[in-house]
Amino acid sequence: MIKVKKVLVPIQGTPLTDATLATANLLCEGYDAHLAVMHIRPDKKDIIPLTGEGLSGTMIEEVMAIAEHEGTKRLRFARKMFDDFVDQNNIKVVDAEASQVAEKGKTASFRALAGRETEVATYWSRLSDITVVAHPSSNEHISSSEMLHALLFESGRPILIAPKERPASVGKRICIAWNGSVEAAAALHTALRWMNSAEKVAILYSDDYPKRGLDIQDVADYLKFYDVNVELCVIKGERSTGESMISKCHEFGADMLCMGAYSHPRWKQMILGGVTSYMLENANLAVLMNR
């Protein structure tokens, strides 16, 4: 079984940072994993084009000064949240560049970088086992949603979306959403890292979807190769698929839902709505997504 060794955790210095760090920590229980925490602040050269035309040099300087002040304040908050988190959880802080990260036991590092959040986070996520991000709450930093979508579409790696509030556990009771798609298969294979240590695992499926590939029992039979026994939970009813999935997760007592992201074209999801969009907006448990 592939282990979890490096978890990337981009934090933006908002109130959701605490829940994001806690989720990443719980996800690594049972693994000597390294939490690579990073804070990304905008590069000055990226801010200047956003100031717009028609502004005087003095006005541009004022805008830059405000942005610098806000960026520094957010960085300090992010660093304090990180320091408090590692102290409370007894996690050893190491240099991310050093060979110390190979030590036994859970470790963590903090890195402050400048650049476009969507690009920097995506580049680093490609060399991480999984990336844990804050819930894309509409009340929070607007770039959280942009970064999440960039990671889903461009990193090639699994993404775990933390709930808005600090969870009690992650990966103890797992629900797998299955519709036979490539994305669902990727999520299932990623979730294998946690299935053996989980108390219970369920596969959520719906007969309303056109059948893709094999029967749902074939999925359960495959997981038996890993000594994982699952419950098969069919989703029925007049509610939307996303709403029904969340309801089933609550009934099962799940603390993690694993699902494929944007199995349908994203433009169709934006116009008609979709399961991925619904889950991003409404899920109140950790959601692992794969593309």
C-alpha atoms as a PDB file:
ATOM      1  CA  MET A   1       0.000   0.000   0.000  1.00  0.00           C
ATOM      2  CA  ILE A   2       1.347   3.430  -0.934  1.00  0.00           C
ATOM      3  CA  LYS A   3       2.036   5.540   2.127  1.00  0.00           C
ATOM      4  CA  VAL A   4       1.395   9.219   2.624  1.00  0.00           C
ATOM      5  CA  LYS A   5       4.730  10.984   3.039  1.00  0.00           C
ATOM      6  CA  LYS A   6       4.201  14.591   1.962  1.00  0.00           C
ATOM      7  CA  VAL A   7       1.035  16.664   2.340  1.00  0.00           C
ATOM      8  CA  LEU A   8       0.940  20.168   0.884  1.00  0.00           C
ATOM      9  CA  VAL A   9      -1.122  22.689   2.861  1.00  0.00           C
ATOM     10  CA  PRO A  10      -1.447  26.159   1.297  1.00  0.00           C
ATOM     11  CA  ILE A  11      -2.843  28.541   3.922  1.00  0.00           C
ATOM     12  CA  GLN A  12      -4.049  32.064   3.240  1.00  0.00           C
ATOM     13  CA  GLY A  13      -4.115  33.552   6.705  1.00  0.00           C
ATOM     14  CA  THR A  14      -7.894  33.563   7.156  1.00  0.00           C
ATOM     15  CA  PRO A  15     -10.082  32.208   9.991  1.00  0.00           C
ATOM     16  CA  LEU A  16     -10.454  28.927   8.042  1.00  0.00           C
ATOM     17  CA  THR A  17      -6.725  28.255   8.430  1.00  0.00           C
ATOM     18  CA  ASP A  18      -7.238  26.438  11.754  1.00  0.00           C
ATOM     19  CA  ALA A  19      -9.716  23.929  10.265  1.00  0.00           C
ATOM     20  CA  THR A  20      -7.435  23.388   7.257  1.00  0.00           C
ATOM     21  CA  LEU A  21      -4.369  22.590   9.383  1.00  0.00           C
ATOM     22  CA  ALA A  22      -6.388  20.340  11.690  1.00  0.00           C
ATOM     23  CA  THR A  23      -7.813  18.430   8.728  1.00  0.00           C
ATOM     24  CA  ALA A  24      -4.347  17.896   7.234  1.00  0.00           C
ATOM     25  CA  ASN A  25      -3.025  16.670  10.571  1.00  0.00           C
ATOM     26  CA  LEU A  26      -5.877  14.179  11.075  1.00  0.00           C
ATOM     27  CA  LEU A  27      -5.468  12.927   7.520  1.00  0.00           C
ATOM     28  CA  CYS A  28      -1.892  11.890   8.381  1.00  0.00           C
ATOM     29  CA  GLU A  29      -2.721   9.841  11.470  1.00  0.00           C
ATOM     30  CA  GLY A  30      -0.841   6.569  11.244  1.00  0.00           C
ATOM     31  CA  TYR A  31       1.726   7.958   8.801  1.00  0.00           C
ATOM     32  CA  ASP A  32       5.129   9.569   9.434  1.00  0.00           C
ATOM     33  CA  ALA A  33       4.158  12.286   7.020  1.00  0.00           C
ATOM     34  CA  HIS A  34       5.548  15.745   6.419  1.00  0.00           C
ATOM     35  CA  LEU A  35       3.117  18.686   6.388  1.00  0.00           C
ATOM     36  CA  ALA A  36       4.516  21.179   3.887  1.00  0.00           C
ATOM     37  CA  VAL A  37       2.665  24.337   4.896  1.00  0.00           C
ATOM     38  CA  MET A  38       3.060  27.365   2.660  1.00  0.00           C
ATOM     39  CA  HIS A  39       1.710  30.876   2.464  1.00  0.00           C
ATOM     40  CA  ILE A  40       1.699  32.593  -0.926  1.00  0.00           C
ATOM     41  CA  ARG A  41       1.479  36.353  -1.184  1.00  0.00           C
ATOM     42  CA  PRO A  42       1.073  38.303  -4.434  1.00  0.00           C
ATOM     43  CA  ASP A  43       4.221  39.430  -6.214  1.00  0.00           C
ATOM     44  CA  LYS A  44       4.468  43.194  -6.678  1.00  0.00           C
ATOM     45  CA  LYS A  45       4.891  42.851 -10.422  1.00  0.00           C
ATOM     46  CA  ASP A  46       1.554  41.021 -10.570  1.00  0.00           C
ATOM     47  CA  ILE A  47      -0.252  43.749  -8.620  1.00  0.00           C
ATOM     48  CA  ILE A  48       0.798  46.675 -10.824  1.00  0.00           C
ATOM     49  CA  PRO A  49      -1.246  45.640 -13.925  1.00  0.00           C
ATOM     50  CA  LEU A  50      -4.333  45.333 -11.701  1.00  0.00           C
ATOM     51  CA  THR A  51      -4.230  48.947 -10.596  1.00  0.00           C
ATOM     52  CA  GLY A  52      -5.734  50.027 -13.914  1.00  0.00           C
ATOM     53  CA  GLU A  53      -5.114  52.904 -16.267  1.00  0.00           C
ATOM     54  CA  GLY A  54      -5.597  56.520 -15.390  1.00  0.00           C
ATOM     55  CA  LEU A  55      -4.028  56.352 -11.949  1.00  0.00           C
ATOM     56  CA  SER A  56      -1.231  58.716 -11.049  1.00  0.00           C
ATOM     57  CA  GLY A  57       2.116  57.483  -9.795  1.00  0.00           C
ATOM     58  CA  THR A  58       1.188  58.579  -6.270  1.00  0.00           C
ATOM     59  CA  MET A  59      -2.092  56.660  -6.345  1.00  0.00           C
ATOM     60  CA  ILE A  60      -0.346  53.531  -7.604  1.00  0.00           C
ATOM     61  CA  GLU A  61       2.184  53.813  -4.780  1.00  0.00           C
ATOM     62  CA  GLU A  62      -0.661  54.101  -2.263  1.00  0.00           C
ATOM     63  CA  VAL A  63      -2.349  51.005  -3.681  1.00  0.00           C
ATOM     64  CA  MET A  64       0.935  49.116  -3.529  1.00  0.00           C
ATOM     65  CA  ALA A  65       1.530  50.220   0.072  1.00  0.00           C
ATOM     66  CA  ILE A  66      -1.939  49.034   1.119  1.00  0.00           C
ATOM     67  CA  ALA A  67      -1.436  45.706  -0.628  1.00  0.00           C
ATOM     68  CA  GLU A  68       1.959  45.284   1.054  1.00  0.00           C
ATOM     69  CA  HIS A  69       0.490  46.093   4.469  1.00  0.00           C
ATOM     70  CA  GLU A  70      -2.401  43.650   4.037  1.00  0.00           C
ATOM     71  CA  GLY A  71      -0.045  40.985   2.710  1.00  0.00           C
ATOM     72  CA  THR A  72       2.277  41.358   5.688  1.00  0.00           C
ATOM     73  CA  LYS A  73      -0.621  41.210   8.134  1.00  0.00           C
ATOM     74  CA  ARG A  74      -1.984  38.056   6.480  1.00  0.00           C
ATOM     75  CA  LEU A  75       1.475  36.444   6.517  1.00  0.00           C
ATOM     76  CA  ARG A  76       1.906  37.161  10.234  1.00  0.00           C
ATOM     77  CA  PHE A  77      -1.497  35.678  10.978  1.00  0.00           C
ATOM     78  CA  ALA A  78      -0.709  32.571   8.908  1.00  0.00           C
ATOM     79  CA  ARG A  79       2.632  32.113  10.666  1.00  0.00           C
ATOM     80  CA  LYS A  80       1.071  32.499  14.104  1.00  0.00           C
ATOM     81  CA  MET A  81      -1.610  29.951  13.239  1.00  0.00           C
ATOM     82  CA  PHE A  82       1.100  27.537  12.091  1.00  0.00           C
ATOM     83  CA  ASP A  83       3.242  28.052  15.213  1.00  0.00           C
ATOM     84  CA  ASP A  84       0.265  27.559  17.526  1.00  0.00           C
ATOM     85  CA  PHE A  85      -0.805  24.476  15.578  1.00  0.00           C
ATOM     86  CA  VAL A  86       2.564  22.659  15.764  1.00  0.00           C
ATOM     87  CA  ASP A  87       2.921  23.536  19.461  1.00  0.00           C
ATOM     88  CA  GLN A  88      -0.540  22.202  20.309  1.00  0.00           C
ATOM     89  CA  ASN A  89       0.009  18.994  18.326  1.00  0.00           C
ATOM     90  CA  ASN A  90       3.617  18.348  19.333  1.00  0.00           C
ATOM     91  CA  ILE A  91       4.843  18.292  15.721  1.00  0.00           C
ATOM     92  CA  LYS A  92       8.532  18.801  15.010  1.00  0.00           C
ATOM     93  CA  VAL A  93       9.280  21.790  12.768  1.00  0.00           C
ATOM     94  CA  VAL A  94      12.019  21.194  10.191  1.00  0.00           C
ATOM     95  CA  ASP A  95      13.563  22.952   7.231  1.00  0.00           C
ATOM     96  CA  ALA A  96      11.654  21.922   4.114  1.00  0.00           C
ATOM     97  CA  GLU A  97      14.883  21.895   2.115  1.00  0.00           C
ATOM     98  CA  ALA A  98      16.787  19.687   4.573  1.00  0.00           C
ATOM     99  CA  SER A  99      17.050  15.915   4.860  1.00  0.00           C
ATOM    100  CA  GLN A 100      15.307  16.240   8.236  1.00  0.00           C
ATOM    101  CA  VAL A 101      11.959  15.631   6.539  1.00  0.00           C
ATOM    102  CA  ALA A 102      12.989  11.987   6.163  1.00  0.00           C
ATOM    103  CA  GLU A 103      13.097  11.541   9.939  1.00  0.00           C
ATOM    104  CA  LYS A 104      10.635   9.211  11.608  1.00  0.00           C
ATOM    105  CA  GLY A 105       7.617  10.862  13.121  1.00  0.00           C
ATOM    106  CA  LYS A 106       5.357  13.591  11.851  1.00  0.00           C
ATOM    107  CA  THR A 107       7.116  16.807  10.808  1.00  0.00           C
ATOM    108  CA  ALA A 108       6.047  20.182   9.456  1.00  0.00           C
ATOM    109  CA  SER A 109       7.628  23.126   7.687  1.00  0.00           C
ATOM    110  CA  PHE A 110       6.501  26.654   6.870  1.00  0.00           C
ATOM    111  CA  ARG A 111       7.442  28.390   3.654  1.00  0.00           C
ATOM    112  CA  ALA A 112       6.491  31.949   2.616  1.00  0.00           C
ATOM    113  CA  LEU A 113       6.536  32.482  -1.149  1.00  0.00           C
ATOM    114  CA  ALA A 114       5.604  35.275  -3.534  1.00  0.00           C
ATOM    115  CA  GLY A 115       3.776  34.799  -6.821  1.00  0.00           C
ATOM    116  CA  ARG A 116       0.405  33.894  -8.239  1.00  0.00           C
ATOM    117  CA  GLU A 117      -1.334  31.564  -5.811  1.00  0.00           C
ATOM    118  CA  THR A 118      -2.867  29.447  -8.553  1.00  0.00           C
ATOM    119  CA  GLU A 119       0.497  28.824 -10.208  1.00  0.00           C
ATOM    120  CA  VAL A 120       2.721  28.387  -7.154  1.00  0.00           C
ATOM    121  CA  ALA A 121       0.335  26.032  -5.362  1.00  0.00           C
ATOM    122  CA  THR A 122      -0.168  23.973  -8.525  1.00  0.00           C
ATOM    123  CA  TYR A 123       3.572  23.571  -9.138  1.00  0.00           C
ATOM    124  CA  TRP A 124       4.249  22.398  -5.574  1.00  0.00           C
ATOM    125  CA  SER A 125       1.205  20.114  -5.466  1.00  0.00           C
ATOM    126  CA  ARG A 126       2.628  18.075  -8.357  1.00  0.00           C
ATOM    127  CA  LEU A 127       5.383  16.919  -6.001  1.00  0.00           C
ATOM    128  CA  SER A 128       3.061  16.139  -3.077  1.00  0.00           C
ATOM    129  CA  ASP A 129       0.993  13.063  -2.288  1.00  0.00           C
ATOM    130  CA  ILE A 130      -2.104  15.147  -1.620  1.00  0.00           C
ATOM    131  CA  THR A 131      -2.945  18.821  -1.154  1.00  0.00           C
ATOM    132  CA  VAL A 132      -5.286  20.002   1.606  1.00  0.00           C
ATOM    133  CA  VAL A 133      -7.045  23.317   0.959  1.00  0.00           C
ATOM    134  CA  ALA A 134      -9.501  25.479   2.854  1.00  0.00           C
ATOM    135  CA  HIS A 135     -13.196  25.255   2.089  1.00  0.00           C
ATOM    136  CA  PRO A 136     -13.977  27.715  -0.742  1.00  0.00           C
ATOM    137  CA  SER A 137     -16.344  29.750   1.424  1.00  0.00           C
ATOM    138  CA  SER A 138     -17.881  32.776  -0.287  1.00  0.00           C
ATOM    139  CA  ASN A 139     -17.212  34.765   2.876  1.00  0.00           C
ATOM    140  CA  GLU A 140     -13.489  34.095   2.784  1.00  0.00           C
ATOM    141  CA  HIS A 141     -10.515  35.096   0.673  1.00  0.00           C
ATOM    142  CA  ILE A 142     -11.800  35.183  -2.923  1.00  0.00           C
ATOM    143  CA  SER A 143      -8.714  33.467  -4.339  1.00  0.00           C
ATOM    144  CA  SER A 144      -9.447  30.264  -2.390  1.00  0.00           C
ATOM    145  CA  SER A 145     -11.951  29.153  -5.035  1.00  0.00           C
ATOM    146  CA  GLU A 146      -9.597  30.096  -7.894  1.00  0.00           C
ATOM    147  CA  MET A 147      -6.738  28.128  -6.342  1.00  0.00           C
ATOM    148  CA  LEU A 148      -8.938  25.099  -5.715  1.00  0.00           C
ATOM    149  CA  HIS A 149     -10.054  24.939  -9.334  1.00  0.00           C
ATOM    150  CA  ALA A 150      -6.492  25.417 -10.584  1.00  0.00           C
ATOM    151  CA  LEU A 151      -5.338  22.534  -8.401  1.00  0.00           C
ATOM    152  CA  LEU A 152      -8.167  20.277  -9.570  1.00  0.00           C
ATOM    153  CA  PHE A 153      -7.592  20.926 -13.260  1.00  0.00           C
ATOM    154  CA  GLU A 154      -3.833  21.431 -13.475  1.00  0.00           C
ATOM    155  CA  SER A 155      -2.010  19.611 -10.663  1.00  0.00           C
ATOM    156  CA  GLY A 156      -2.768  16.019 -11.628  1.00  0.00           C
ATOM    157  CA  ARG A 157      -2.878  15.179  -7.916  1.00  0.00           C
ATOM    158  CA  PRO A 158      -5.718  14.514  -5.422  1.00  0.00           C
ATOM    159  CA  ILE A 159      -7.114  17.465  -3.496  1.00  0.00           C
ATOM    160  CA  LEU A 160      -8.760  17.319  -0.075  1.00  0.00           C
ATOM    161  CA  ILE A 161     -11.132  20.168   0.776  1.00  0.00           C
ATOM    162  CA  ALA A 162     -11.255  20.794   4.509  1.00  0.00           C
ATOM    163  CA  PRO A 163     -14.609  21.473   6.191  1.00  0.00           C
ATOM    164  CA  LYS A 164     -15.311  24.955   7.507  1.00  0.00           C
ATOM    165  CA  GLU A 165     -14.987  23.799  11.117  1.00  0.00           C
ATOM    166  CA  ARG A 166     -12.251  21.686  12.733  1.00  0.00           C
ATOM    167  CA  PRO A 167     -13.263  18.009  12.302  1.00  0.00           C
ATOM    168  CA  ALA A 168     -13.033  15.370  15.032  1.00  0.00           C
ATOM    169  CA  SER A 169     -11.629  12.786  12.615  1.00  0.00           C
ATOM    170  CA  VAL A 170     -10.751  12.273   8.955  1.00  0.00           C
ATOM    171  CA  GLY A 171     -10.675   8.920   7.165  1.00  0.00           C
ATOM    172  CA  LYS A 172     -12.241   6.784   9.896  1.00  0.00           C
ATOM    173  CA  ARG A 173     -15.587   6.348   8.124  1.00  0.00           C
ATOM    174  CA  ILE A 174     -15.251   6.817   4.370  1.00  0.00           C
ATOM    175  CA  CYS A 175     -17.834   7.182   1.639  1.00  0.00           C
ATOM    176  CA  ILE A 176     -16.787   6.627  -1.982  1.00  0.00           C
ATOM    177  CA  ALA A 177     -18.982   8.187  -4.679  1.00  0.00           C
ATOM    178  CA  TRP A 178     -18.997   5.904  -7.720  1.00  0.00           C
ATOM    179  CA  ASN A 179     -20.413   6.541 -11.192  1.00  0.00           C
ATOM    180  CA  GLY A 180     -17.947   4.516 -13.246  1.00  0.00           C
ATOM    181  CA  SER A 181     -16.089   7.556 -14.573  1.00  0.00           C
ATOM    182  CA  VAL A 182     -12.316   8.000 -14.900  1.00  0.00           C
ATOM    183  CA  GLU A 183     -12.474  10.659 -12.188  1.00  0.00           C
ATOM    184  CA  ALA A 184     -14.348   8.365  -9.782  1.00  0.00           C
ATOM    185  CA  ALA A 185     -11.784   5.617 -10.382  1.00  0.00           C
ATOM    186  CA  ALA A 186      -8.946   8.014  -9.586  1.00  0.00           C
ATOM    187  CA  ALA A 187     -10.654   9.025  -6.325  1.00  0.00           C
ATOM    188  CA  LEU A 188     -11.189   5.396  -5.346  1.00  0.00           C
ATOM    189  CA  HIS A 189      -7.525   4.507  -5.907  1.00  0.00           C
ATOM    190  CA  THR A 190      -6.383   7.542  -3.909  1.00  0.00           C
ATOM    191  CA  ALA A 191      -8.689   6.579  -1.034  1.00  0.00           C
ATOM    192  CA  LEU A 192      -7.056   3.137  -0.764  1.00  0.00           C
ATOM    193  CA  ARG A 193      -4.401   4.793   1.410  1.00  0.00           C
ATOM    194  CA  TRP A 194      -6.987   5.195   4.161  1.00  0.00           C
ATOM    195  CA  MET A 195      -9.428   2.323   3.604  1.00  0.00           C
ATOM    196  CA  ASN A 196      -7.483  -0.363   5.491  1.00  0.00           C
ATOM    197  CA  SER A 197      -7.351   1.722   8.655  1.00  0.00           C
ATOM    198  CA  ALA A 198     -10.944   2.968   8.352  1.00  0.00           C
ATOM    199  CA  GLU A 199     -13.640   1.634  10.656  1.00  0.00           C
ATOM    200  CA  LYS A 200     -16.184   1.398   7.832  1.00  0.00           C
ATOM    201  CA  VAL A 201     -16.282   2.128   4.094  1.00  0.00           C
ATOM    202  CA  ALA A 202     -19.345   2.665   1.909  1.00  0.00           C
ATOM    203  CA  ILE A 203     -19.779   3.056  -1.835  1.00  0.00           C
ATOM    204  CA  LEU A 204     -22.484   5.508  -2.878  1.00  0.00           C
ATOM    205  CA  TYR A 205     -24.050   4.935  -6.285  1.00  0.00           C
ATOM    206  CA  SER A 206     -27.208   5.768  -8.195  1.00  0.00           C
ATOM    207  CA  ASP A 207     -29.218   3.663 -10.628  1.00  0.00           C
ATOM    208  CA  ASP A 208     -30.471   6.879 -12.227  1.00  0.00           C
ATOM    209  CA  TYR A 209     -27.125   7.435 -13.965  1.00  0.00           C
ATOM    210  CA  PRO A 210     -26.469   5.707 -17.306  1.00  0.00           C
ATOM    211  CA  LYS A 211     -24.393   2.596 -16.598  1.00  0.00           C
ATOM    212  CA  ARG A 212     -20.671   3.144 -17.228  1.00  0.00           C
ATOM    213  CA  GLY A 213     -18.594  -0.013 -17.334  1.00  0.00           C
ATOM    214  CA  LEU A 214     -18.920  -2.718 -14.716  1.00  0.00           C
ATOM    215  CA  ASP A 215     -21.556  -3.471 -12.114  1.00  0.00           C
ATOM    216  CA  ILE A 216     -21.293  -1.903  -8.650  1.00  0.00           C
ATOM    217  CA  GLN A 217     -20.635  -5.349  -7.125  1.00  0.00           C
ATOM    218  CA  ASP A 218     -17.521  -5.593  -9.283  1.00  0.00           C
ATOM    219  CA  VAL A 219     -16.184  -2.493  -7.500  1.00  0.00           C
ATOM    220  CA  ALA A 220     -16.783  -4.123  -4.118  1.00  0.00           C
ATOM    221  CA  ASP A 221     -15.114  -7.333  -5.326  1.00  0.00           C
ATOM    222  CA  TYR A 222     -12.051  -5.374  -6.464  1.00  0.00           C
ATOM    223  CA  LEU A 223     -11.626  -3.794  -3.040  1.00  0.00           C
ATOM    224  CA  LYS A 224     -11.597  -7.251  -1.438  1.00  0.00           C
ATOM    225  CA  PHE A 225      -8.119  -7.688  -2.965  1.00  0.00           C
ATOM    226  CA  TYR A 226      -7.092  -5.043  -0.394  1.00  0.00           C
ATOM    227  CA  ASP A 227      -9.066  -6.728   2.421  1.00  0.00           C
ATOM    228  CA  VAL A 228     -11.562  -3.889   2.350  1.00  0.00           C
ATOM    229  CA  ASN A 229     -15.212  -4.808   2.865  1.00  0.00           C
ATOM    230  CA  VAL A 230     -17.682  -2.154   1.835  1.00  0.00           C
ATOM    231  CA  GLU A 231     -21.345  -1.354   2.230  1.00  0.00           C
ATOM    232  CA  LEU A 232     -23.231  -0.585  -0.984  1.00  0.00           C
ATOM    233  CA  CYS A 233     -25.512   2.409  -0.539  1.00  0.00           C
ATOM    234  CA  VAL A 234     -27.828   3.326  -3.392  1.00  0.00           C
ATOM    235  CA  ILE A 235     -28.881   6.949  -3.749  1.00  0.00           C
ATOM    236  CA  LYS A 236     -32.570   7.382  -4.530  1.00  0.00           C
ATOM    237  CA  GLY A 237     -35.172  10.046  -4.083  1.00  0.00           C
ATOM    238  CA  GLU A 238     -36.408  13.302  -5.517  1.00  0.00           C
ATOM    239  CA  ARG A 239     -33.531  15.381  -4.168  1.00  0.00           C
ATOM    240  CA  SER A 240     -30.500  16.326  -6.248  1.00  0.00           C
ATOM    241  CA  THR A 241     -27.617  13.863  -6.368  1.00  0.00           C
ATOM    242  CA  GLY A 242     -25.379  16.184  -4.347  1.00  0.00           C
ATOM    243  CA  GLU A 243     -28.014  16.661  -1.659  1.00  0.00           C
ATOM    244  CA  SER A 244     -28.642  12.907  -1.513  1.00  0.00           C
ATOM    245  CA  MET A 245     -24.914  12.198  -1.217  1.00  0.00           C
ATOM    246  CA  ILE A 246     -24.537  14.549   1.731  1.00  0.00           C
ATOM    247  CA  SER A 247     -27.586  12.983   3.388  1.00  0.00           C
ATOM    248  CA  LYS A 248     -26.119   9.481   2.944  1.00  0.00           C
ATOM    249  CA  CYS A 249     -22.793  10.639   4.381  1.00  0.00           C
ATOM    250  CA  HIS A 250     -24.605  11.916   7.468  1.00  0.00           C
ATOM    251  CA  GLU A 251     -26.526   8.646   7.862  1.00  0.00           C
ATOM    252  CA  PHE A 252     -23.294   6.674   7.558  1.00  0.00           C
ATOM    253  CA  GLY A 253     -21.463   8.985   9.971  1.00  0.00           C
ATOM    254  CA  ALA A 254     -18.791   9.630   7.339  1.00  0.00           C
ATOM    255  CA  ASP A 255     -15.902  11.994   8.060  1.00  0.00           C
ATOM    256  CA  MET A 256     -14.542  11.830   4.494  1.00  0.00           C
ATOM    257  CA  LEU A 257     -16.176  11.662   1.079  1.00  0.00           C
ATOM    258  CA  CYS A 258     -14.088  10.645  -1.940  1.00  0.00           C
ATOM    259  CA  MET A 259     -15.371  11.551  -5.384  1.00  0.00           C
ATOM    260  CA  GLY A 260     -14.368  12.412  -8.920  1.00  0.00           C
ATOM    261  CA  ALA A 261     -14.469  16.102  -9.804  1.00  0.00           C
ATOM    262  CA  TYR A 262     -16.214  17.496 -12.879  1.00  0.00           C
ATOM    263  CA  SER A 263     -17.023  14.219 -14.617  1.00  0.00           C
ATOM    264  CA  HIS A 264     -19.090  16.367 -16.976  1.00  0.00           C
ATOM    265  CA  PRO A 265     -17.582  19.370 -18.823  1.00  0.00           C
ATOM    266  CA  ARG A 266     -17.082  22.317 -16.497  1.00  0.00           C
ATOM    267  CA  TRP A 267     -19.120  24.661 -18.735  1.00  0.00           C
ATOM    268  CA  LYS A 268     -22.114  22.350 -18.330  1.00  0.00           C
ATOM    269  CA  GLN A 269     -21.636  22.340 -14.550  1.00  0.00           C
ATOM    270  CA  MET A 270     -21.505  26.155 -14.513  1.00  0.00           C
ATOM    271  CA  ILE A 271     -24.680  26.528 -16.587  1.00  0.00           C
ATOM    272  CA  LEU A 272     -26.784  23.637 -15.317  1.00  0.00           C
ATOM    273  CA  GLY A 273     -25.216  23.068 -11.937  1.00  0.00           C
ATOM    274  CA  GLY A 274     -23.693  19.749 -10.953  1.00  0.00           C
ATOM    275  CA  VAL A 275     -22.648  17.424  -8.173  1.00  0.00           C
ATOM    276  CA  THR A 276     -19.127  18.858  -7.931  1.00  0.00           C
ATOM    277  CA  SER A 277     -20.351  22.439  -7.644  1.00  0.00           C
ATOM    278  CA  TYR A 278     -22.977  21.438  -5.078  1.00  0.00           C
ATOM    279  CA  MET A 279     -20.449  19.593  -2.933  1.00  0.00           C
ATOM    280  CA  LEU A 280     -17.977  22.482  -3.043  1.00  0.00           C
ATOM    281  CA  GLU A 281     -20.670  24.827  -1.773  1.00  0.00           C
ATOM    282  CA  ASN A 282     -22.492  22.630   0.745  1.00  0.00           C
ATOM    283  CA  ALA A 283     -20.346  19.773   2.051  1.00  0.00           C
ATOM    284  CA  ASN A 284     -19.601  19.952   5.787  1.00  0.00           C
ATOM    285  CA  LEU A 285     -17.083  17.119   5.904  1.00  0.00           C
ATOM    286  CA  ALA A 286     -13.672  16.550   4.329  1.00  0.00           C
ATOM    287  CA  VAL A 287     -14.060  15.940   0.584  1.00  0.00           C
ATOM    288  CA  LEU A 288     -11.319  14.254  -1.432  1.00  0.00           C
ATOM    289  CA  MET A 289     -11.544  15.051  -5.147  1.00  0.00           C
ATOM    290  CA  ASN A 290      -9.694  13.714  -8.176  1.00  0.00           C
ATOM    291  CA  ARG A 291      -9.671  14.643 -11.824  1.00  0.00           C
END
